[in-house]
Amino acid sequence: MPIFEYKCDKCGNEFEEIVFGTPGIVKCPACGSDKTGKLMSCCRHKAGGPAADLGTAPAASAGGGGGCAGCSGGDCSSCG
């Protein structure tokens, strides 16, 4: 079941909603307004453990680029 993030245009409340099928009108749980907009959500998926546990170097370090905005090696605390 997909979870979408919304923001109320009336009161500014940000909330999540589980959506079944095609999303219809989503009301704000704080003020009841139906003037809400879907937010862009980031998706993150991690399979397995850290690269060191798998016996391989991180792909970003091996390639000399990539990583997140905070580093170039993919091995800082914000990437993990």
C-alpha atoms as a PDB file:
ATOM      1  CA  MET A   1       0.000   0.000   0.000  1.00  0.00           C
ATOM      2  CA  PRO A   2       1.522   3.315  -0.979  1.00  0.00           C
ATOM      3  CA  ILE A   3       1.899   6.066   1.590  1.00  0.00           C
ATOM      4  CA  PHE A   4       1.745   9.586   0.179  1.00  0.00           C
ATOM      5  CA  GLU A   5       2.829  12.793   1.887  1.00  0.00           C
ATOM      6  CA  TYR A   6       0.526  15.815   1.730  1.00  0.00           C
ATOM      7  CA  LYS A   7       0.563  19.427   2.854  1.00  0.00           C
ATOM      8  CA  CYS A   8      -2.536  21.422   3.701  1.00  0.00           C
ATOM      9  CA  ASP A   9      -2.762  24.716   1.786  1.00  0.00           C
ATOM     10  CA  LYS A  10      -4.960  26.205   4.514  1.00  0.00           C
ATOM     11  CA  CYS A  11      -3.087  25.452   7.770  1.00  0.00           C
ATOM     12  CA  GLY A  12       0.313  24.192   6.512  1.00  0.00           C
ATOM     13  CA  ASN A  13       0.024  20.819   8.251  1.00  0.00           C
ATOM     14  CA  GLU A  14       2.144  18.072   6.652  1.00  0.00           C
ATOM     15  CA  PHE A  15       0.794  14.545   6.998  1.00  0.00           C
ATOM     16  CA  GLU A  16       0.939  11.061   5.484  1.00  0.00           C
ATOM     17  CA  GLU A  17      -1.986   9.133   4.056  1.00  0.00           C
ATOM     18  CA  ILE A  18      -2.253   5.492   2.986  1.00  0.00           C
ATOM     19  CA  VAL A  19      -3.954   5.476  -0.403  1.00  0.00           C
ATOM     20  CA  PHE A  20      -5.921   2.551  -1.805  1.00  0.00           C
ATOM     21  CA  GLY A  21      -6.300   2.686  -5.603  1.00  0.00           C
ATOM     22  CA  THR A  22      -6.478   6.119  -7.214  1.00  0.00           C
ATOM     23  CA  PRO A  23      -6.126   8.964  -4.694  1.00  0.00           C
ATOM     24  CA  GLY A  24      -9.253  11.104  -4.467  1.00  0.00           C
ATOM     25  CA  ILE A  25      -9.771  14.168  -2.307  1.00  0.00           C
ATOM     26  CA  VAL A  26      -7.554  13.973   0.756  1.00  0.00           C
ATOM     27  CA  LYS A  27      -8.651  16.022   3.764  1.00  0.00           C
ATOM     28  CA  CYS A  28      -6.268  17.522   6.313  1.00  0.00           C
ATOM     29  CA  PRO A  29      -6.553  15.690   9.647  1.00  0.00           C
ATOM     30  CA  ALA A  30      -5.762  18.916  11.546  1.00  0.00           C
ATOM     31  CA  CYS A  31      -8.298  21.364  10.090  1.00  0.00           C
ATOM     32  CA  GLY A  32     -10.499  19.240   7.790  1.00  0.00           C
ATOM     33  CA  SER A  33      -9.724  21.277   4.671  1.00  0.00           C
ATOM     34  CA  ASP A  34      -9.782  19.480   1.325  1.00  0.00           C
ATOM     35  CA  LYS A  35      -7.270  21.957  -0.114  1.00  0.00           C
ATOM     36  CA  THR A  36      -4.242  19.678   0.131  1.00  0.00           C
ATOM     37  CA  GLY A  37      -1.378  18.976  -2.247  1.00  0.00           C
ATOM     38  CA  LYS A  38       0.789  15.920  -2.640  1.00  0.00           C
ATOM     39  CA  LEU A  39       4.448  16.455  -1.711  1.00  0.00           C
ATOM     40  CA  MET A  40       7.410  14.988  -3.548  1.00  0.00           C
ATOM     41  CA  SER A  41       8.710  12.130  -1.438  1.00  0.00           C
ATOM     42  CA  CYS A  42      12.156  10.614  -1.366  1.00  0.00           C
ATOM     43  CA  CYS A  43      12.387   6.877  -1.469  1.00  0.00           C
ATOM     44  CA  ARG A  44      15.277   4.974   0.046  1.00  0.00           C
ATOM     45  CA  HIS A  45      15.903   1.276  -0.051  1.00  0.00           C
ATOM     46  CA  LYS A  46      18.880  -0.535   1.404  1.00  0.00           C
ATOM     47  CA  ALA A  47      19.522  -4.223   0.897  1.00  0.00           C
ATOM     48  CA  GLY A  48      21.975  -6.077   3.093  1.00  0.00           C
ATOM     49  CA  GLY A  49      24.330  -4.383   5.519  1.00  0.00           C
ATOM     50  CA  PRO A  50      27.120  -1.854   5.143  1.00  0.00           C
ATOM     51  CA  ALA A  51      29.560  -2.522   2.303  1.00  0.00           C
ATOM     52  CA  ALA A  52      32.329  -3.322   4.804  1.00  0.00           C
ATOM     53  CA  ASP A  53      30.208  -6.163   6.183  1.00  0.00           C
ATOM     54  CA  LEU A  54      29.848  -7.607   2.684  1.00  0.00           C
ATOM     55  CA  GLY A  55      33.600  -7.552   2.086  1.00  0.00           C
ATOM     56  CA  THR A  56      33.396  -5.046  -0.763  1.00  0.00           C
ATOM     57  CA  ALA A  57      34.188  -1.366  -1.051  1.00  0.00           C
ATOM     58  CA  PRO A  58      31.289   1.037  -1.642  1.00  0.00           C
ATOM     59  CA  ALA A  59      30.668   1.511  -5.356  1.00  0.00           C
ATOM     60  CA  ALA A  60      30.827   5.297  -4.984  1.00  0.00           C
ATOM     61  CA  SER A  61      34.314   5.080  -3.439  1.00  0.00           C
ATOM     62  CA  ALA A  62      35.573   2.639  -6.015  1.00  0.00           C
ATOM     63  CA  GLY A  63      34.326   4.838  -8.854  1.00  0.00           C
ATOM     64  CA  GLY A  64      35.586   8.077  -7.328  1.00  0.00           C
ATOM     65  CA  GLY A  65      32.222   9.826  -7.310  1.00  0.00           C
ATOM     66  CA  GLY A  66      28.599   9.565  -6.321  1.00  0.00           C
ATOM     67  CA  GLY A  67      27.638   9.489  -2.707  1.00  0.00           C
ATOM     68  CA  CYS A  68      25.323  12.038  -1.178  1.00  0.00           C
ATOM     69  CA  ALA A  69      25.472  15.805  -1.050  1.00  0.00           C
ATOM     70  CA  GLY A  70      27.556  15.619   2.145  1.00  0.00           C
ATOM     71  CA  CYS A  71      30.402  13.495   0.766  1.00  0.00           C
ATOM     72  CA  SER A  72      31.750  11.946  -2.400  1.00  0.00           C
ATOM     73  CA  GLY A  73      32.453   8.466  -1.131  1.00  0.00           C
ATOM     74  CA  GLY A  74      29.101   7.220   0.091  1.00  0.00           C
ATOM     75  CA  ASP A  75      30.670   6.338   3.437  1.00  0.00           C
ATOM     76  CA  CYS A  76      29.678   9.205   5.750  1.00  0.00           C
ATOM     77  CA  SER A  77      27.088   9.023   8.505  1.00  0.00           C
ATOM     78  CA  SER A  78      24.417  10.708   6.383  1.00  0.00           C
ATOM     79  CA  CYS A  79      24.771   8.096   3.615  1.00  0.00           C
ATOM     80  CA  GLY A  80      24.596   5.087   5.868  1.00  0.00           C
END
